[in-house]
């Protein structure tokens, strides 16, 4: 019976809407109270207690509309009940009813409408029966003009019925109009949100399809070439005879081709993953093992890795350290292939992680030859909130990276 639903949000209405409603209710209440039996009696020497109460109620009750967005049922029922006891007319209850219908829907709204309808019938009939003419607001408005306010007058049933129907009709119609507008605004917001979600899903699907296409093309083109390279290197190693240099070079080529195939498979798996997913991070406690067995394989490498409380490092930090170390070693292998690399990784929760890599500078293979790889490391470091320095240090080419321990 008293179930209801909210229509739109319960935010505080625009201030000038509230001002217009309060002023309208003030005018309606003061007009009804001014032409009521208590005020008429007070003007002609009778006790004025009820008249004074009616005037104060007319001045104060309309301000209840300032809280119509929070307690529309309570305000409407209070206004309707007071109008039966104190002659303030039915203007305020009808305005409250209109705001209630505009903000709520359900059985409770229509039961409240019935209550307001019944109190309006009582108020209108009481005003229509009041005598003399100056004690009835309806007789002042609808009575014969001009006429003495002290005269007695009668209102027809048609006039009384018209006042009731017009008042209730305007209240209900205005409320339904406001409700439809609020529902339209809500529906528009829902439609816009759905459209934005649909567009986002469409963009993600398009990116996924593009990643799949790139993965297929890379697999078809590079996979076949790397397989042939590994095959030819194996054949060359098998037929190298007694030349150890040729055998060693062929072995290194075949091993590098195999590593390239593994890297290619990892990249293709990454491309085929849904957009926005992160690769599981290898813990920093395994960094030394991974460097020796994978990153630094086939390379002259001297490493010193010491990280305190490594298992507490976040996944983003672990991924960043692994990727930077891999890129540093790869860069050194490309541009100084026969030089020893000195790698130092130190870190703790208090000071972060420091990565330092150096190798002897090779003419034509220093900063100019490796600028693209170093720029990539520098961009990654800055995005993570760290710092990076690189350049010649005597006859050594050195890269120094510092990363904060906490990376979001």
Protein backbone atom coordinates (compact mmCIF):
# COMPACT_ATOMS: atom_id res chain seq x y z
CA UNK A 1 0.00 0.00 0.00
CA UNK A 2 2.75 2.43 0.93
CA UNK A 3 5.27 1.23 -1.59
CA UNK A 4 6.88 3.83 -3.83
CA UNK A 5 9.85 4.47 -6.12
CA UNK A 6 12.03 7.51 -6.50
CA UNK A 7 11.95 9.33 -9.81
CA UNK A 8 15.32 10.81 -10.67
CA UNK A 9 17.72 11.93 -7.97
CA UNK A 10 16.95 13.51 -4.60
CA UNK A 11 19.40 16.34 -5.04
CA UNK A 12 18.40 19.77 -3.79
CA UNK A 13 16.36 21.53 -6.49
CA UNK A 14 17.46 24.69 -8.24
CA UNK A 15 17.08 27.61 -5.83
CA UNK A 16 14.79 29.71 -8.01
CA UNK A 17 12.35 26.79 -8.37
CA UNK A 18 12.07 26.71 -4.59
CA UNK A 19 11.63 30.50 -4.41
CA UNK A 20 8.76 30.42 -6.93
CA UNK A 21 6.98 27.58 -5.12
CA UNK A 22 7.36 29.19 -1.69
CA UNK A 23 6.10 32.56 -2.96
CA UNK A 24 3.11 30.91 -4.66
CA UNK A 25 2.24 29.01 -1.48
CA UNK A 26 2.64 32.17 0.62
CA UNK A 27 0.20 34.08 -1.60
CA UNK A 28 -2.33 31.23 -1.57
CA UNK A 29 -2.16 30.73 2.20
CA UNK A 30 -2.32 34.44 3.06
CA UNK A 31 -5.24 35.00 0.67
CA UNK A 32 -7.23 32.11 2.17
CA UNK A 33 -6.39 33.11 5.75
CA UNK A 34 -7.26 36.78 5.15
CA UNK A 35 -10.78 35.84 4.01
CA UNK A 36 -11.57 33.28 6.69
CA UNK A 37 -14.03 33.36 9.61
CA UNK A 38 -11.35 33.74 12.36
CA UNK A 39 -9.68 36.72 10.68
CA UNK A 40 -13.09 38.25 9.82
CA UNK A 41 -14.11 37.91 13.46
CA UNK A 42 -10.79 39.37 14.62
CA UNK A 43 -11.39 42.40 12.37
CA UNK A 44 -14.84 42.91 13.88
CA UNK A 45 -14.07 42.64 17.57
CA UNK A 46 -14.14 38.91 18.21
CA UNK A 47 -11.36 36.88 19.82
CA UNK A 48 -8.41 36.76 17.42
CA UNK A 49 -6.46 33.73 18.65
CA UNK A 50 -7.27 31.47 15.69
CA UNK A 51 -6.89 34.35 13.26
CA UNK A 52 -3.39 35.15 14.50
CA UNK A 53 -2.50 31.44 14.36
CA UNK A 54 -3.79 31.28 10.77
CA UNK A 55 -1.64 34.23 9.71
CA UNK A 56 1.49 32.82 11.36
CA UNK A 57 0.82 29.40 9.83
CA UNK A 58 0.39 31.04 6.42
CA UNK A 59 3.76 32.76 6.80
CA UNK A 60 5.67 29.71 8.07
CA UNK A 61 4.28 26.53 6.54
CA UNK A 62 5.17 27.35 2.89
CA UNK A 63 8.85 27.13 3.80
CA UNK A 64 8.40 23.38 4.26
CA UNK A 65 8.72 23.23 0.48
CA UNK A 66 12.47 23.81 0.90
CA UNK A 67 12.73 20.17 2.01
CA UNK A 68 10.32 18.67 -0.52
CA UNK A 69 13.17 16.69 -2.14
CA UNK A 70 13.84 14.78 1.11
CA UNK A 71 10.44 14.27 2.78
CA UNK A 72 7.73 14.83 0.15
CA UNK A 73 5.19 12.48 1.80
CA UNK A 74 5.54 14.00 5.27
CA UNK A 75 5.32 17.57 3.97
CA UNK A 76 2.24 16.83 1.88
CA UNK A 77 0.38 15.04 4.67
CA UNK A 78 1.30 17.72 7.25
CA UNK A 79 0.09 20.50 4.95
CA UNK A 80 -3.14 18.63 4.23
CA UNK A 81 -3.80 17.94 7.93
CA UNK A 82 -3.08 21.54 9.00
CA UNK A 83 -5.44 22.89 6.32
CA UNK A 84 -8.31 21.03 7.96
CA UNK A 85 -7.64 22.56 11.40
CA UNK A 86 -6.34 26.02 10.48
CA UNK A 87 -7.95 28.05 7.66
CA UNK A 88 -4.97 28.34 5.30
CA UNK A 89 -6.84 27.00 2.27
CA UNK A 90 -5.89 24.05 0.09
CA UNK A 91 -3.29 25.84 -2.08
CA UNK A 92 -0.29 24.64 -0.05
CA UNK A 93 -1.42 20.97 0.09
CA UNK A 94 -2.02 20.96 -3.67
CA UNK A 95 1.45 22.44 -4.39
CA UNK A 96 3.00 19.83 -2.08
CA UNK A 97 1.01 17.11 -3.85
CA UNK A 98 2.30 18.26 -7.24
CA UNK A 99 5.90 18.10 -6.04
CA UNK A 100 5.27 14.65 -4.52
CA UNK A 101 3.87 13.22 -7.76
CA UNK A 102 6.80 14.71 -9.66
CA UNK A 103 9.38 12.95 -7.43
CA UNK A 104 7.74 9.65 -6.47
CA UNK A 105 5.61 6.96 -8.09
CA UNK A 106 3.75 3.95 -6.76
CA UNK A 107 0.68 3.12 -4.65
CA UNK A 108 1.78 5.39 -1.79
CA UNK A 109 1.58 8.41 -4.08
CA UNK A 110 -2.01 7.73 -5.06
CA UNK A 111 -3.12 6.99 -1.50
CA UNK A 112 -1.61 10.33 -0.52
CA UNK A 113 -3.48 11.91 -3.44
CA UNK A 114 -6.74 10.48 -2.05
CA UNK A 115 -5.97 11.97 1.37
CA UNK A 116 -5.27 15.38 -0.13
CA UNK A 117 -8.46 15.10 -2.19
CA UNK A 118 -10.54 14.40 0.89
CA UNK A 119 -9.02 17.28 2.85
CA UNK A 120 -9.53 19.58 -0.15
CA UNK A 121 -13.23 18.68 -0.23
CA UNK A 122 -13.48 19.52 3.47
CA UNK A 123 -11.61 22.83 3.08
CA UNK A 124 -13.60 23.94 0.01
CA UNK A 125 -16.96 23.04 1.54
CA UNK A 126 -16.07 24.78 4.82
CA UNK A 127 -15.04 27.90 2.93
CA UNK A 128 -18.16 27.81 0.75
CA UNK A 129 -20.43 27.62 3.83
CA UNK A 130 -18.69 30.44 5.68
CA UNK A 131 -20.69 33.62 6.22
CA UNK A 132 -20.69 36.52 5.61
CA UNK A 133 -19.11 36.98 2.21
CA UNK A 134 -15.92 38.55 3.65
CA UNK A 135 -15.23 35.36 5.63
CA UNK A 136 -15.08 33.18 2.50
CA UNK A 137 -12.27 33.34 -0.03
CA UNK A 138 -14.34 31.52 -2.67
CA UNK A 139 -17.26 33.94 -2.30
CA UNK A 140 -14.89 36.90 -2.63
CA UNK A 141 -13.53 35.44 -5.87
CA UNK A 142 -16.67 33.91 -7.40
CA UNK A 143 -19.43 35.98 -5.78
CA UNK A 144 -21.26 38.85 -7.54
CA UNK A 145 -19.19 41.97 -8.10
CA UNK A 146 -19.28 44.57 -6.61
CA UNK A 147 -20.83 43.49 -3.33
CA UNK A 148 -20.62 44.30 0.35
CA UNK A 149 -18.39 41.85 2.20
CA UNK A 150 -20.82 41.87 5.12
CA UNK A 151 -23.61 40.50 2.92
CA UNK A 152 -24.55 36.85 2.86
CA UNK A 153 -24.09 34.95 -0.39
CA UNK A 154 -24.41 31.44 -1.70
CA UNK A 155 -22.23 29.46 -4.12
CA UNK A 156 -23.71 26.94 -6.51
CA UNK A 157 -22.79 23.27 -6.57
CA UNK A 158 -21.33 23.72 -10.04
CA UNK A 159 -18.93 26.40 -8.84
CA UNK A 160 -17.80 24.31 -5.85
CA UNK A 161 -17.33 21.21 -8.03
CA UNK A 162 -15.37 23.23 -10.59
CA UNK A 163 -13.03 24.56 -7.90
CA UNK A 164 -12.35 21.04 -6.58
CA UNK A 165 -11.78 19.50 -10.02
CA UNK A 166 -9.64 22.41 -11.23
CA UNK A 167 -7.43 22.37 -8.13
CA UNK A 168 -6.87 18.61 -8.07
CA UNK A 169 -6.49 18.46 -11.84
CA UNK A 170 -3.82 21.14 -11.90
CA UNK A 171 -1.91 19.51 -9.02
CA UNK A 172 -1.98 16.00 -10.49
CA UNK A 173 -1.37 17.18 -14.07
CA UNK A 174 1.58 19.38 -13.09
CA UNK A 175 3.06 16.57 -11.01
CA UNK A 176 2.75 14.07 -13.85
CA UNK A 177 4.33 16.55 -16.26
CA UNK A 178 7.29 17.09 -13.92
CA UNK A 179 7.62 13.34 -13.39
CA UNK A 180 7.69 12.64 -17.13
CA UNK A 181 10.40 15.26 -17.56
CA UNK A 182 12.50 13.77 -14.74
CA UNK A 183 12.04 10.28 -16.18
CA UNK A 184 13.14 11.54 -19.59
CA UNK A 185 16.28 13.08 -18.07
CA UNK A 186 17.05 9.83 -16.24
CA UNK A 187 16.44 7.76 -19.37
CA UNK A 188 18.71 10.07 -21.35
CA UNK A 189 21.48 9.63 -18.79
CA UNK A 190 21.08 5.84 -18.85
CA UNK A 191 21.11 5.84 -22.66
CA UNK A 192 24.25 7.98 -22.76
CA UNK A 193 25.98 5.69 -20.26
CA UNK A 194 24.96 2.63 -22.29
CA UNK A 195 26.17 4.30 -25.47
CA UNK A 196 29.50 5.13 -23.87
CA UNK A 197 29.86 1.54 -22.64
CA UNK A 198 28.96 0.20 -26.07
CA UNK A 199 31.51 2.49 -27.70
CA UNK A 200 34.19 1.42 -25.23
CA UNK A 201 33.41 -2.26 -25.86
CA UNK A 202 33.52 -1.61 -29.61
CA UNK A 203 36.91 0.06 -29.30
CA UNK A 204 38.24 -2.81 -27.21
CA UNK A 205 36.92 -5.33 -29.72
CA UNK A 206 38.54 -3.42 -32.59
CA UNK A 207 41.86 -3.31 -30.72
CA UNK A 208 41.58 -7.01 -29.95
CA UNK A 209 40.95 -7.84 -33.60
CA UNK A 210 43.89 -5.65 -34.66
CA UNK A 211 46.17 -7.35 -32.13
CA UNK A 212 45.04 -10.75 -33.40
CA UNK A 213 45.77 -9.72 -36.98
CA UNK A 214 49.22 -8.42 -36.07
CA UNK A 215 49.95 -11.61 -34.14
CA UNK A 216 49.00 -13.77 -37.12
CA UNK A 217 51.10 -11.73 -39.53
CA UNK A 218 54.13 -11.70 -37.23
CA UNK A 219 53.80 -15.44 -36.61
CA UNK A 220 53.54 -16.25 -40.30
CA UNK A 221 56.40 -13.97 -41.37
CA UNK A 222 58.91 -14.11 -38.51
CA UNK A 223 58.21 -17.62 -37.24
CA UNK A 224 59.03 -19.20 -40.56
CA UNK A 225 62.22 -17.17 -41.02
CA UNK A 226 63.49 -17.92 -37.52
CA UNK A 227 62.77 -21.61 -37.98
CA UNK A 228 64.79 -21.64 -41.20
CA UNK A 229 67.60 -19.71 -39.53
CA UNK A 230 67.76 -22.23 -36.71
CA UNK A 231 67.69 -25.10 -39.18
CA UNK A 232 70.50 -23.67 -41.32
CA UNK A 233 72.57 -22.86 -38.23
CA UNK A 234 72.18 -26.43 -37.01
CA UNK A 235 73.24 -27.79 -40.38
CA UNK A 236 76.24 -25.45 -40.44
CA UNK A 237 77.25 -26.53 -36.94
CA UNK A 238 76.99 -30.20 -37.90
CA UNK A 239 79.12 -29.72 -41.02
CA UNK A 240 81.68 -27.31 -39.60
CA UNK A 241 84.36 -30.02 -39.48
CA UNK A 242 87.40 -29.16 -37.38
CA UNK A 243 86.92 -25.39 -37.41
CA UNK A 244 85.93 -24.50 -33.83
CA UNK A 245 85.19 -20.87 -34.63
CA UNK A 246 82.64 -21.80 -37.29
CA UNK A 247 81.09 -24.38 -34.99
CA UNK A 248 80.90 -21.92 -32.09
CA UNK A 249 79.42 -19.19 -34.30
CA UNK A 250 76.84 -21.57 -35.76
CA UNK A 251 75.96 -22.77 -32.26
CA UNK A 252 75.54 -19.19 -31.09
CA UNK A 253 73.34 -18.36 -34.08
CA UNK A 254 71.15 -21.42 -33.46
CA UNK A 255 70.89 -20.62 -29.77
CA UNK A 256 70.00 -16.99 -30.49
CA UNK A 257 67.39 -18.10 -33.01
CA UNK A 258 65.84 -20.36 -30.39
CA UNK A 259 65.77 -17.52 -27.86
CA UNK A 260 64.25 -15.24 -30.47
CA UNK A 261 61.54 -17.84 -31.10
CA UNK A 262 60.79 -17.97 -27.38
CA UNK A 263 60.62 -14.18 -27.21
CA UNK A 264 58.38 -14.15 -30.26
CA UNK A 265 56.00 -16.67 -28.66
CA UNK A 266 55.84 -14.53 -25.51
CA UNK A 267 55.05 -11.42 -27.53
CA UNK A 268 52.39 -13.22 -29.53
CA UNK A 269 50.78 -14.54 -26.34
CA UNK A 270 50.80 -11.00 -24.99
CA UNK A 271 49.14 -9.69 -28.15
CA UNK A 272 46.45 -12.36 -27.95
CA UNK A 273 45.56 -11.55 -24.33
CA UNK A 274 42.55 -9.32 -23.62
CA UNK A 275 43.31 -5.61 -23.55
CA UNK A 276 44.15 -4.33 -20.07
CA UNK A 277 45.38 -7.61 -18.56
CA UNK A 278 48.78 -7.76 -16.91
CA UNK A 279 51.34 -10.51 -17.24
CA UNK A 280 52.04 -12.34 -13.98
CA UNK A 281 55.21 -10.90 -12.47
CA UNK A 282 58.21 -13.06 -11.56
CA UNK A 283 59.25 -12.27 -7.96
CA UNK A 284 62.40 -10.20 -7.52
CA UNK A 285 63.87 -12.99 -5.37
CA UNK A 286 64.37 -14.98 -8.60
CA UNK A 287 66.09 -12.14 -10.47
CA UNK A 288 69.64 -13.52 -10.10
CA UNK A 289 68.62 -16.95 -11.38
CA UNK A 290 66.71 -15.54 -14.34
CA UNK A 291 69.59 -13.20 -15.26
CA UNK A 292 72.10 -16.05 -15.35
CA UNK A 293 69.91 -18.64 -17.08
CA UNK A 294 67.99 -16.46 -19.52
CA UNK A 295 68.84 -12.79 -19.90
CA UNK A 296 72.63 -13.18 -19.72
CA UNK A 297 72.95 -16.55 -21.47
CA UNK A 298 75.80 -16.59 -24.03
CA UNK A 299 77.10 -13.25 -22.78
CA UNK A 300 80.14 -12.23 -20.74
CA UNK A 301 78.36 -11.08 -17.61
CA UNK A 302 79.41 -10.34 -14.06
CA UNK A 303 76.41 -9.60 -11.89
CA UNK A 304 75.82 -8.62 -8.27
CA UNK A 305 72.17 -8.74 -7.20
CA UNK A 306 71.04 -8.07 -3.64
CA UNK A 307 67.46 -7.02 -2.83
CA UNK A 308 66.19 -6.91 0.72
CA UNK A 309 62.65 -8.15 1.37
CA UNK A 310 62.31 -8.96 -2.34
CA UNK A 311 59.08 -10.94 -1.92
CA UNK A 312 57.28 -7.82 -0.68
CA UNK A 313 57.91 -5.94 -3.93
CA UNK A 314 54.79 -5.14 -5.92
CA UNK A 315 54.03 -6.80 -9.25
CA UNK A 316 54.51 -3.55 -11.24
CA UNK A 317 57.96 -3.05 -9.67
CA UNK A 318 58.98 -6.64 -10.41
CA UNK A 319 57.89 -6.36 -14.04
CA UNK A 320 59.71 -3.04 -14.41
CA UNK A 321 62.99 -4.35 -12.97
CA UNK A 322 62.93 -7.48 -15.11
CA UNK A 323 62.14 -5.56 -18.27
CA UNK A 324 64.81 -2.89 -17.68
CA UNK A 325 67.51 -5.46 -16.86
CA UNK A 326 66.59 -7.47 -19.95
CA UNK A 327 66.71 -4.38 -22.17
CA UNK A 328 70.07 -3.28 -20.70
CA UNK A 329 71.67 -6.68 -21.34
CA UNK A 330 70.13 -6.93 -24.80
CA UNK A 331 71.39 -3.45 -25.64
CA UNK A 332 74.91 -4.34 -24.46
CA UNK A 333 74.90 -7.60 -26.41
CA UNK A 334 73.90 -5.80 -29.61
CA UNK A 335 76.34 -2.90 -29.44
CA UNK A 336 79.28 -4.42 -27.51
CA UNK A 337 78.95 -8.16 -28.20
CA UNK A 338 82.41 -9.23 -27.03
CA UNK A 339 82.70 -6.97 -23.99
CA UNK A 340 82.05 -7.98 -20.42
CA UNK A 341 79.00 -6.43 -18.78
CA UNK A 342 79.06 -5.49 -15.09
CA UNK A 343 75.52 -5.53 -13.69
CA UNK A 344 74.59 -4.41 -10.19
CA UNK A 345 71.07 -4.50 -8.78
CA UNK A 346 70.47 -3.35 -5.21
CA UNK A 347 67.25 -2.50 -3.48
CA UNK A 348 65.21 -2.30 -0.30
CA UNK A 349 61.83 -0.85 0.72
CA UNK A 350 63.43 2.29 2.14
CA UNK A 351 65.54 3.47 -0.81
CA UNK A 352 63.99 1.68 -3.78
CA UNK A 353 65.82 -0.28 -6.47
CA UNK A 354 69.08 0.84 -8.13
CA UNK A 355 70.16 -0.80 -11.40
CA UNK A 356 73.66 -0.10 -12.70
CA UNK A 357 75.08 -1.61 -15.91
CA UNK A 358 78.41 -0.85 -17.56
CA UNK A 359 80.62 -2.23 -20.28
CA UNK A 360 83.71 -1.04 -22.16
CA UNK A 361 82.82 1.52 -24.79
CA UNK A 362 83.09 0.26 -28.37
CA UNK A 363 83.54 2.80 -31.12
CA UNK A 364 80.32 3.09 -33.15
CA UNK A 365 78.36 1.10 -30.62
CA UNK A 366 77.90 3.64 -27.82
CA UNK A 367 75.23 6.24 -27.33
CA UNK A 368 74.52 6.91 -31.00
CA UNK A 369 74.19 3.26 -31.93
CA UNK A 370 71.97 2.35 -28.96
CA UNK A 371 69.94 5.54 -28.60
CA UNK A 372 66.61 3.91 -29.44
CA UNK A 373 66.96 1.19 -26.78
CA UNK A 374 68.17 3.65 -24.18
CA UNK A 375 65.33 6.05 -24.96
CA UNK A 376 62.86 3.24 -24.40
CA UNK A 377 64.39 2.43 -21.01
CA UNK A 378 64.40 6.12 -20.10
CA UNK A 379 60.73 6.56 -21.02
CA UNK A 380 59.77 3.46 -19.03
CA UNK A 381 61.75 4.69 -16.01
CA UNK A 382 60.19 8.16 -16.05
CA UNK A 383 56.68 6.73 -16.37
CA UNK A 384 57.32 4.71 -13.22
CA UNK A 385 58.52 7.76 -11.30
CA UNK A 386 62.23 6.87 -11.42
CA UNK A 387 65.39 8.51 -12.76
CA UNK A 388 67.98 7.43 -15.31
CA UNK A 389 71.47 8.59 -16.29
CA UNK A 390 73.69 7.20 -19.01
CA UNK A 391 76.89 8.13 -20.81
CA UNK A 392 80.66 7.61 -20.88
CA UNK A 393 82.50 7.11 -17.59
CA UNK A 394 86.17 6.92 -18.59
CA UNK A 395 86.40 4.06 -21.09
CA UNK A 396 83.12 2.58 -19.80
CA UNK A 397 79.63 3.14 -21.09
CA UNK A 398 77.38 3.26 -18.03
CA UNK A 399 73.62 3.24 -17.42
CA UNK A 400 72.27 4.03 -13.94
CA UNK A 401 68.54 3.60 -13.16
CA UNK A 402 66.72 4.30 -9.89
CA UNK A 403 63.15 3.13 -9.27
CA UNK A 404 60.87 3.84 -6.27
CA UNK A 405 59.85 0.78 -4.24
CA UNK A 406 56.15 1.55 -4.48
CA UNK A 407 54.78 1.70 -8.01
CA UNK A 408 51.02 1.94 -8.59
